[in-house]
């Protein structure tokens, strides 16, 4: 996922976020209505950010009125060296004050890694390794504490990945459902089963007795005639038997006419 703010090749996105397919049931999506900047990737309670040497992303955050209160993590390459997070660097940057102020306004505090190692590695012996990739976490969350830097995972990259575990409630996420295609044989059979089960209604007394079991009747007829499908972002409510027939025809002929 990434944010495109213009069609200019000079304004291409510089931040991209990948979501593991096993988390697709959570329906992650970019919140561009909240933050719309090529260097910021806001996805619900997670924000991935890149701030260049001009601190463009930080200036955008400073000058933008942000109405969000559920951010848990903000992480990325901030391009700021400071003794506050790098014990081998003995100086203070004015940009770090801006960074801390912005994070504080979002109720986020600096996370300290479990291992104190650089996050950006030089490609020559003349330059120093740096700590410029940072993570900020929501204040007051005891189970969300400290991240880890993984220099062994960077391979040919100059930046080391940062990881943190986010505890989730033990809830079952439904990613499958039953469905009956409109106009299908199964739909006709479903309706027929319902009619057969209520055709005996002849008076008020029988109606009152039937109401108690009507829901069960519908459920049984639905389970008998419906099929289970996976719920995904590609699911389309308008897809019917005609669409399936036309798609199958095209796959057979490979003709644009079909």
C-alpha atoms as a PDB file:
ATOM      1  CA  UNK A   1       0.000   0.000   0.000  1.00  0.00           C
ATOM      2  CA  UNK A   2       1.278   3.470  -0.830  1.00  0.00           C
ATOM      3  CA  UNK A   3      -0.031   7.010  -1.246  1.00  0.00           C
ATOM      4  CA  UNK A   4      -0.104   8.718  -4.644  1.00  0.00           C
ATOM      5  CA  UNK A   5      -0.651  12.459  -4.351  1.00  0.00           C
ATOM      6  CA  UNK A   6       0.042  13.492  -7.964  1.00  0.00           C
ATOM      7  CA  UNK A   7       0.855  12.111 -11.410  1.00  0.00           C
ATOM      8  CA  UNK A   8       4.288  13.741 -11.512  1.00  0.00           C
ATOM      9  CA  UNK A   9       7.257  11.386 -11.711  1.00  0.00           C
ATOM     10  CA  UNK A  10       9.039  13.748  -9.321  1.00  0.00           C
ATOM     11  CA  UNK A  11       6.398  13.195  -6.655  1.00  0.00           C
ATOM     12  CA  UNK A  12       6.389   9.406  -6.522  1.00  0.00           C
ATOM     13  CA  UNK A  13       5.669   7.603  -3.211  1.00  0.00           C
ATOM     14  CA  UNK A  14       8.671   6.922  -1.010  1.00  0.00           C
ATOM     15  CA  UNK A  15       6.882   4.774   1.584  1.00  0.00           C
ATOM     16  CA  UNK A  16       5.214   1.431   0.976  1.00  0.00           C
ATOM     17  CA  UNK A  17       3.476  -0.858   3.458  1.00  0.00           C
ATOM     18  CA  UNK A  18       2.975  -4.594   3.027  1.00  0.00           C
ATOM     19  CA  UNK A  19       0.194  -6.466   4.862  1.00  0.00           C
ATOM     20  CA  UNK A  20       0.591 -10.208   5.389  1.00  0.00           C
ATOM     21  CA  UNK A  21      -2.116 -12.090   3.499  1.00  0.00           C
ATOM     22  CA  UNK A  22      -3.032 -13.934   6.694  1.00  0.00           C
ATOM     23  CA  UNK A  23      -4.275 -10.590   8.080  1.00  0.00           C
ATOM     24  CA  UNK A  24      -6.518  -9.831   5.091  1.00  0.00           C
ATOM     25  CA  UNK A  25      -9.615 -10.448   7.231  1.00  0.00           C
ATOM     26  CA  UNK A  26      -8.834  -7.235   9.134  1.00  0.00           C
ATOM     27  CA  UNK A  27      -9.483  -5.204   5.947  1.00  0.00           C
ATOM     28  CA  UNK A  28      -6.534  -2.817   6.245  1.00  0.00           C
ATOM     29  CA  UNK A  29      -6.766   0.242   4.008  1.00  0.00           C
ATOM     30  CA  UNK A  30      -5.017   3.590   3.591  1.00  0.00           C
ATOM     31  CA  UNK A  31      -6.650   6.445   5.528  1.00  0.00           C
ATOM     32  CA  UNK A  32      -5.920   9.170   2.973  1.00  0.00           C
ATOM     33  CA  UNK A  33      -8.809  11.225   4.330  1.00  0.00           C
ATOM     34  CA  UNK A  34      -6.715  11.720   7.484  1.00  0.00           C
ATOM     35  CA  UNK A  35      -3.182  11.993   6.087  1.00  0.00           C
ATOM     36  CA  UNK A  36      -2.477  12.449   2.385  1.00  0.00           C
ATOM     37  CA  UNK A  37       1.270  12.650   1.820  1.00  0.00           C
ATOM     38  CA  UNK A  38       3.536  10.540  -0.367  1.00  0.00           C
ATOM     39  CA  UNK A  39       5.930   9.904   2.535  1.00  0.00           C
ATOM     40  CA  UNK A  40       3.256   8.845   5.039  1.00  0.00           C
ATOM     41  CA  UNK A  41       1.330   5.588   4.948  1.00  0.00           C
ATOM     42  CA  UNK A  42      -1.528   5.681   7.505  1.00  0.00           C
ATOM     43  CA  UNK A  43      -3.257   2.310   7.902  1.00  0.00           C
ATOM     44  CA  UNK A  44      -5.792   2.413  10.714  1.00  0.00           C
ATOM     45  CA  UNK A  45      -3.738   2.366  13.944  1.00  0.00           C
ATOM     46  CA  UNK A  46      -0.351   2.017  12.215  1.00  0.00           C
ATOM     47  CA  UNK A  47       1.565   4.800  10.481  1.00  0.00           C
ATOM     48  CA  UNK A  48       4.642   4.176   8.340  1.00  0.00           C
ATOM     49  CA  UNK A  49       6.670   7.291   7.583  1.00  0.00           C
ATOM     50  CA  UNK A  50       9.760   8.534   5.760  1.00  0.00           C
ATOM     51  CA  UNK A  51      11.079  12.014   6.455  1.00  0.00           C
ATOM     52  CA  UNK A  52      13.751  13.229   4.043  1.00  0.00           C
ATOM     53  CA  UNK A  53      16.712  15.495   4.821  1.00  0.00           C
ATOM     54  CA  UNK A  54      14.376  18.507   4.492  1.00  0.00           C
ATOM     55  CA  UNK A  55      11.992  16.931   7.019  1.00  0.00           C
ATOM     56  CA  UNK A  56       9.108  17.251   4.547  1.00  0.00           C
ATOM     57  CA  UNK A  57       6.899  14.694   6.278  1.00  0.00           C
ATOM     58  CA  UNK A  58       7.398  16.224   9.721  1.00  0.00           C
ATOM     59  CA  UNK A  59       6.584  19.697   8.419  1.00  0.00           C
ATOM     60  CA  UNK A  60       3.432  18.282   6.836  1.00  0.00           C
ATOM     61  CA  UNK A  61       2.386  16.743  10.162  1.00  0.00           C
ATOM     62  CA  UNK A  62       3.151  19.995  11.967  1.00  0.00           C
ATOM     63  CA  UNK A  63       1.060  22.095   9.570  1.00  0.00           C
ATOM     64  CA  UNK A  64      -1.840  19.657   9.183  1.00  0.00           C
ATOM     65  CA  UNK A  65      -4.740  19.464  11.588  1.00  0.00           C
ATOM     66  CA  UNK A  66      -4.958  15.776  12.455  1.00  0.00           C
ATOM     67  CA  UNK A  67      -8.046  14.342  14.098  1.00  0.00           C
ATOM     68  CA  UNK A  68      -6.912  10.874  15.113  1.00  0.00           C
ATOM     69  CA  UNK A  69      -6.818   9.328  18.552  1.00  0.00           C
ATOM     70  CA  UNK A  70      -6.265   5.619  17.900  1.00  0.00           C
ATOM     71  CA  UNK A  71      -2.689   5.508  16.587  1.00  0.00           C
ATOM     72  CA  UNK A  72      -0.747   2.752  18.321  1.00  0.00           C
ATOM     73  CA  UNK A  73       2.517   2.817  16.377  1.00  0.00           C
ATOM     74  CA  UNK A  74       4.367   5.269  14.164  1.00  0.00           C
ATOM     75  CA  UNK A  75       7.655   4.064  12.735  1.00  0.00           C
ATOM     76  CA  UNK A  76      10.047   4.799   9.916  1.00  0.00           C
ATOM     77  CA  UNK A  77      13.199   6.520   8.708  1.00  0.00           C
ATOM     78  CA  UNK A  78      13.211  10.015  10.232  1.00  0.00           C
ATOM     79  CA  UNK A  79      16.697  11.022   9.044  1.00  0.00           C
ATOM     80  CA  UNK A  80      17.477  12.660  12.380  1.00  0.00           C
ATOM     81  CA  UNK A  81      20.616  11.977  14.393  1.00  0.00           C
ATOM     82  CA  UNK A  82      20.395  12.774  18.086  1.00  0.00           C
ATOM     83  CA  UNK A  83      22.053  11.676  21.313  1.00  0.00           C
ATOM     84  CA  UNK A  84      18.551  11.071  22.674  1.00  0.00           C
ATOM     85  CA  UNK A  85      18.344   7.749  20.796  1.00  0.00           C
ATOM     86  CA  UNK A  86      21.943   7.215  19.676  1.00  0.00           C
ATOM     87  CA  UNK A  87      24.428   7.020  22.580  1.00  0.00           C
ATOM     88  CA  UNK A  88      27.378   7.144  20.148  1.00  0.00           C
ATOM     89  CA  UNK A  89      26.256  10.509  18.775  1.00  0.00           C
ATOM     90  CA  UNK A  90      27.023  13.361  21.180  1.00  0.00           C
ATOM     91  CA  UNK A  91      24.953  16.150  19.631  1.00  0.00           C
ATOM     92  CA  UNK A  92      21.373  17.383  19.671  1.00  0.00           C
ATOM     93  CA  UNK A  93      19.289  18.206  16.587  1.00  0.00           C
ATOM     94  CA  UNK A  94      16.658  20.926  16.456  1.00  0.00           C
ATOM     95  CA  UNK A  95      14.585  18.603  14.281  1.00  0.00           C
ATOM     96  CA  UNK A  96      14.283  16.130  17.140  1.00  0.00           C
ATOM     97  CA  UNK A  97      12.380  18.731  19.183  1.00  0.00           C
ATOM     98  CA  UNK A  98       9.813  19.027  16.380  1.00  0.00           C
ATOM     99  CA  UNK A  99       9.601  15.250  16.118  1.00  0.00           C
ATOM    100  CA  UNK A 100       9.012  14.745  19.851  1.00  0.00           C
ATOM    101  CA  UNK A 101       6.401  17.527  19.940  1.00  0.00           C
ATOM    102  CA  UNK A 102       4.450  15.957  17.061  1.00  0.00           C
ATOM    103  CA  UNK A 103       4.575  12.502  18.602  1.00  0.00           C
ATOM    104  CA  UNK A 104       3.507  13.872  21.965  1.00  0.00           C
ATOM    105  CA  UNK A 105       0.475  15.537  20.344  1.00  0.00           C
ATOM    106  CA  UNK A 106      -0.517  12.075  19.071  1.00  0.00           C
ATOM    107  CA  UNK A 107       0.024  10.504  22.518  1.00  0.00           C
ATOM    108  CA  UNK A 108       3.045   8.589  21.263  1.00  0.00           C
ATOM    109  CA  UNK A 109       6.339   8.125  23.049  1.00  0.00           C
ATOM    110  CA  UNK A 110       9.753   6.997  21.846  1.00  0.00           C
ATOM    111  CA  UNK A 111      10.277   3.237  21.990  1.00  0.00           C
ATOM    112  CA  UNK A 112      13.687   2.012  23.118  1.00  0.00           C
ATOM    113  CA  UNK A 113      14.941  -1.130  21.333  1.00  0.00           C
ATOM    114  CA  UNK A 114      15.738  -4.359  23.088  1.00  0.00           C
ATOM    115  CA  UNK A 115      19.136  -4.282  21.353  1.00  0.00           C
ATOM    116  CA  UNK A 116      21.136  -1.073  21.005  1.00  0.00           C
ATOM    117  CA  UNK A 117      22.540  -1.344  17.466  1.00  0.00           C
ATOM    118  CA  UNK A 118      22.552   0.954  14.410  1.00  0.00           C
ATOM    119  CA  UNK A 119      19.588   0.984  12.037  1.00  0.00           C
ATOM    120  CA  UNK A 120      21.321   2.441   8.979  1.00  0.00           C
ATOM    121  CA  UNK A 121      24.611   0.879   7.778  1.00  0.00           C
ATOM    122  CA  UNK A 122      27.231   2.680   5.702  1.00  0.00           C
ATOM    123  CA  UNK A 123      28.464   1.190   2.430  1.00  0.00           C
ATOM    124  CA  UNK A 124      32.040   2.377   2.981  1.00  0.00           C
ATOM    125  CA  UNK A 125      34.613   2.585   5.750  1.00  0.00           C
ATOM    126  CA  UNK A 126      34.658   6.382   5.806  1.00  0.00           C
ATOM    127  CA  UNK A 127      31.032   6.815   6.945  1.00  0.00           C
ATOM    128  CA  UNK A 128      29.480   5.930  10.266  1.00  0.00           C
ATOM    129  CA  UNK A 129      26.573   3.636  10.961  1.00  0.00           C
ATOM    130  CA  UNK A 130      23.560   5.574  12.215  1.00  0.00           C
ATOM    131  CA  UNK A 131      20.443   5.310  14.330  1.00  0.00           C
ATOM    132  CA  UNK A 132      17.794   7.144  12.288  1.00  0.00           C
ATOM    133  CA  UNK A 133      14.986   4.558  12.081  1.00  0.00           C
ATOM    134  CA  UNK A 134      12.723   5.002  15.078  1.00  0.00           C
ATOM    135  CA  UNK A 135       9.486   3.686  16.528  1.00  0.00           C
ATOM    136  CA  UNK A 136       6.951   5.550  18.648  1.00  0.00           C
ATOM    137  CA  UNK A 137       4.327   3.732  20.718  1.00  0.00           C
ATOM    138  CA  UNK A 138       1.039   4.672  22.335  1.00  0.00           C
ATOM    139  CA  UNK A 139       1.383   5.987  25.882  1.00  0.00           C
ATOM    140  CA  UNK A 140       0.163   3.762  28.690  1.00  0.00           C
ATOM    141  CA  UNK A 141      -0.015   0.415  26.877  1.00  0.00           C
ATOM    142  CA  UNK A 142       1.926  -2.025  29.045  1.00  0.00           C
ATOM    143  CA  UNK A 143       1.662  -4.907  26.535  1.00  0.00           C
ATOM    144  CA  UNK A 144       3.041  -2.750  23.719  1.00  0.00           C
ATOM    145  CA  UNK A 145       6.585  -2.076  24.834  1.00  0.00           C
ATOM    146  CA  UNK A 146       9.965  -1.955  23.090  1.00  0.00           C
ATOM    147  CA  UNK A 147      10.882  -3.007  19.583  1.00  0.00           C
ATOM    148  CA  UNK A 148      13.783  -5.007  18.162  1.00  0.00           C
ATOM    149  CA  UNK A 149      16.297  -4.055  15.466  1.00  0.00           C
ATOM    150  CA  UNK A 150      17.318  -6.837  13.053  1.00  0.00           C
ATOM    151  CA  UNK A 151      20.584  -6.003  11.231  1.00  0.00           C
ATOM    152  CA  UNK A 152      20.880  -9.664  10.149  1.00  0.00           C
ATOM    153  CA  UNK A 153      17.679  -9.294   8.081  1.00  0.00           C
ATOM    154  CA  UNK A 154      18.771  -6.354   5.949  1.00  0.00           C
ATOM    155  CA  UNK A 155      20.651  -8.471   3.340  1.00  0.00           C
ATOM    156  CA  UNK A 156      21.791  -5.956   0.667  1.00  0.00           C
ATOM    157  CA  UNK A 157      19.785  -3.068   2.131  1.00  0.00           C
ATOM    158  CA  UNK A 158      21.378  -0.271   4.119  1.00  0.00           C
ATOM    159  CA  UNK A 159      18.558  -0.137   6.683  1.00  0.00           C
ATOM    160  CA  UNK A 160      17.774  -2.800   9.285  1.00  0.00           C
ATOM    161  CA  UNK A 161      14.124  -3.840   9.822  1.00  0.00           C
ATOM    162  CA  UNK A 162      12.414  -2.956  13.098  1.00  0.00           C
ATOM    163  CA  UNK A 163       9.834  -5.322  14.615  1.00  0.00           C
ATOM    164  CA  UNK A 164       7.394  -5.297  17.498  1.00  0.00           C
ATOM    165  CA  UNK A 165       4.698  -7.734  18.617  1.00  0.00           C
ATOM    166  CA  UNK A 166       1.138  -6.396  18.797  1.00  0.00           C
ATOM    167  CA  UNK A 167      -1.048  -8.418  21.197  1.00  0.00           C
ATOM    168  CA  UNK A 168      -4.505  -9.259  19.827  1.00  0.00           C
ATOM    169  CA  UNK A 169      -7.596 -10.517  21.572  1.00  0.00           C
ATOM    170  CA  UNK A 170      -8.355 -14.188  21.065  1.00  0.00           C
ATOM    171  CA  UNK A 171     -11.275 -13.570  18.718  1.00  0.00           C
ATOM    172  CA  UNK A 172     -12.442 -15.617  15.768  1.00  0.00           C
ATOM    173  CA  UNK A 173     -12.464 -13.555  12.581  1.00  0.00           C
ATOM    174  CA  UNK A 174     -15.096 -14.822  10.163  1.00  0.00           C
ATOM    175  CA  UNK A 175     -13.703 -14.957   6.647  1.00  0.00           C
ATOM    176  CA  UNK A 176     -16.286 -17.289   5.118  1.00  0.00           C
ATOM    177  CA  UNK A 177     -20.016 -16.976   4.537  1.00  0.00           C
ATOM    178  CA  UNK A 178     -22.906 -18.777   2.919  1.00  0.00           C
ATOM    179  CA  UNK A 179     -24.410 -17.434  -0.271  1.00  0.00           C
ATOM    180  CA  UNK A 180     -27.015 -18.221  -2.905  1.00  0.00           C
ATOM    181  CA  UNK A 181     -26.640 -16.724  -6.359  1.00  0.00           C
ATOM    182  CA  UNK A 182     -29.587 -14.622  -7.451  1.00  0.00           C
ATOM    183  CA  UNK A 183     -31.678 -16.339 -10.146  1.00  0.00           C
ATOM    184  CA  UNK A 184     -29.975 -19.701  -9.632  1.00  0.00           C
ATOM    185  CA  UNK A 185     -31.504 -23.161  -9.253  1.00  0.00           C
ATOM    186  CA  UNK A 186     -30.446 -23.056  -5.601  1.00  0.00           C
ATOM    187  CA  UNK A 187     -32.440 -19.878  -5.021  1.00  0.00           C
ATOM    188  CA  UNK A 188     -35.574 -21.480  -6.477  1.00  0.00           C
ATOM    189  CA  UNK A 189     -35.056 -24.563  -4.312  1.00  0.00           C
ATOM    190  CA  UNK A 190     -34.584 -22.362  -1.226  1.00  0.00           C
ATOM    191  CA  UNK A 191     -37.873 -20.545  -1.862  1.00  0.00           C
ATOM    192  CA  UNK A 192     -39.636 -23.839  -2.564  1.00  0.00           C
ATOM    193  CA  UNK A 193     -38.450 -25.292   0.744  1.00  0.00           C
ATOM    194  CA  UNK A 194     -39.788 -22.240   2.582  1.00  0.00           C
ATOM    195  CA  UNK A 195     -43.176 -22.478   0.872  1.00  0.00           C
ATOM    196  CA  UNK A 196     -43.454 -26.185   1.623  1.00  0.00           C
ATOM    197  CA  UNK A 197     -42.788 -25.553   5.293  1.00  0.00           C
ATOM    198  CA  UNK A 198     -45.396 -22.805   5.695  1.00  0.00           C
ATOM    199  CA  UNK A 199     -48.092 -24.110   3.347  1.00  0.00           C
ATOM    200  CA  UNK A 200     -49.893 -25.795   6.275  1.00  0.00           C
ATOM    201  CA  UNK A 201     -50.778 -22.455   7.864  1.00  0.00           C
ATOM    202  CA  UNK A 202     -54.605 -22.242   7.858  1.00  0.00           C
ATOM    203  CA  UNK A 203     -55.549 -20.313  10.992  1.00  0.00           C
ATOM    204  CA  UNK A 204     -54.220 -17.961  13.644  1.00  0.00           C
ATOM    205  CA  UNK A 205     -53.367 -20.756  16.066  1.00  0.00           C
ATOM    206  CA  UNK A 206     -51.239 -22.585  13.530  1.00  0.00           C
ATOM    207  CA  UNK A 207     -49.556 -19.299  12.617  1.00  0.00           C
ATOM    208  CA  UNK A 208     -48.595 -18.642  16.236  1.00  0.00           C
ATOM    209  CA  UNK A 209     -47.103 -22.110  16.526  1.00  0.00           C
ATOM    210  CA  UNK A 210     -45.247 -21.698  13.247  1.00  0.00           C
ATOM    211  CA  UNK A 211     -43.634 -18.395  14.204  1.00  0.00           C
ATOM    212  CA  UNK A 212     -41.561 -20.127  16.887  1.00  0.00           C
ATOM    213  CA  UNK A 213     -40.014 -22.526  14.377  1.00  0.00           C
ATOM    214  CA  UNK A 214     -39.963 -20.292  11.297  1.00  0.00           C
ATOM    215  CA  UNK A 215     -36.424 -19.043  11.934  1.00  0.00           C
ATOM    216  CA  UNK A 216     -35.208 -22.627  12.219  1.00  0.00           C
ATOM    217  CA  UNK A 217     -36.975 -23.475   8.961  1.00  0.00           C
ATOM    218  CA  UNK A 218     -35.237 -20.624   7.147  1.00  0.00           C
ATOM    219  CA  UNK A 219     -31.850 -21.596   8.577  1.00  0.00           C
ATOM    220  CA  UNK A 220     -32.206 -25.229   7.514  1.00  0.00           C
ATOM    221  CA  UNK A 221     -33.363 -24.281   4.014  1.00  0.00           C
ATOM    222  CA  UNK A 222     -30.501 -21.795   3.704  1.00  0.00           C
ATOM    223  CA  UNK A 223     -27.842 -24.308   4.782  1.00  0.00           C
ATOM    224  CA  UNK A 224     -29.313 -26.923   2.438  1.00  0.00           C
ATOM    225  CA  UNK A 225     -29.231 -24.755  -0.701  1.00  0.00           C
ATOM    226  CA  UNK A 226     -26.420 -22.241  -0.093  1.00  0.00           C
ATOM    227  CA  UNK A 227     -22.691 -22.701  -0.536  1.00  0.00           C
ATOM    228  CA  UNK A 228     -19.753 -21.477   1.535  1.00  0.00           C
ATOM    229  CA  UNK A 229     -17.454 -18.872  -0.044  1.00  0.00           C
ATOM    230  CA  UNK A 230     -14.412 -16.991   1.199  1.00  0.00           C
ATOM    231  CA  UNK A 231     -14.857 -13.306   2.036  1.00  0.00           C
ATOM    232  CA  UNK A 232     -12.157 -11.127   0.497  1.00  0.00           C
ATOM    233  CA  UNK A 233     -11.621  -7.629  -0.833  1.00  0.00           C
ATOM    234  CA  UNK A 234     -12.418  -9.060  -4.272  1.00  0.00           C
ATOM    235  CA  UNK A 235     -15.911 -10.202  -3.253  1.00  0.00           C
ATOM    236  CA  UNK A 236     -18.575  -8.556  -5.426  1.00  0.00           C
ATOM    237  CA  UNK A 237     -22.249  -8.416  -4.483  1.00  0.00           C
ATOM    238  CA  UNK A 238     -23.294  -7.866  -8.105  1.00  0.00           C
ATOM    239  CA  UNK A 239     -21.776 -11.094  -9.462  1.00  0.00           C
ATOM    240  CA  UNK A 240     -24.447 -13.522 -10.727  1.00  0.00           C
ATOM    241  CA  UNK A 241     -24.836 -16.626 -12.904  1.00  0.00           C
ATOM    242  CA  UNK A 242     -24.693 -14.559 -16.105  1.00  0.00           C
ATOM    243  CA  UNK A 243     -21.281 -13.180 -15.094  1.00  0.00           C
ATOM    244  CA  UNK A 244     -19.999 -16.684 -14.390  1.00  0.00           C
ATOM    245  CA  UNK A 245     -21.314 -17.937 -17.725  1.00  0.00           C
ATOM    246  CA  UNK A 246     -19.758 -15.050 -19.686  1.00  0.00           C
ATOM    247  CA  UNK A 247     -16.427 -15.412 -17.887  1.00  0.00           C
ATOM    248  CA  UNK A 248     -16.316 -19.129 -18.637  1.00  0.00           C
ATOM    249  CA  UNK A 249     -17.156 -18.419 -22.283  1.00  0.00           C
ATOM    250  CA  UNK A 250     -14.316 -15.885 -22.552  1.00  0.00           C
ATOM    251  CA  UNK A 251     -11.857 -18.297 -20.969  1.00  0.00           C
ATOM    252  CA  UNK A 252     -12.782 -20.849 -23.638  1.00  0.00           C
ATOM    253  CA  UNK A 253     -12.619 -18.548 -26.689  1.00  0.00           C
ATOM    254  CA  UNK A 254     -10.164 -15.836 -25.535  1.00  0.00           C
ATOM    255  CA  UNK A 255     -12.114 -13.520 -27.824  1.00  0.00           C
ATOM    256  CA  UNK A 256     -12.668  -9.868 -26.886  1.00  0.00           C
ATOM    257  CA  UNK A 257     -16.144 -10.186 -28.433  1.00  0.00           C
ATOM    258  CA  UNK A 258     -17.059 -12.523 -25.573  1.00  0.00           C
END
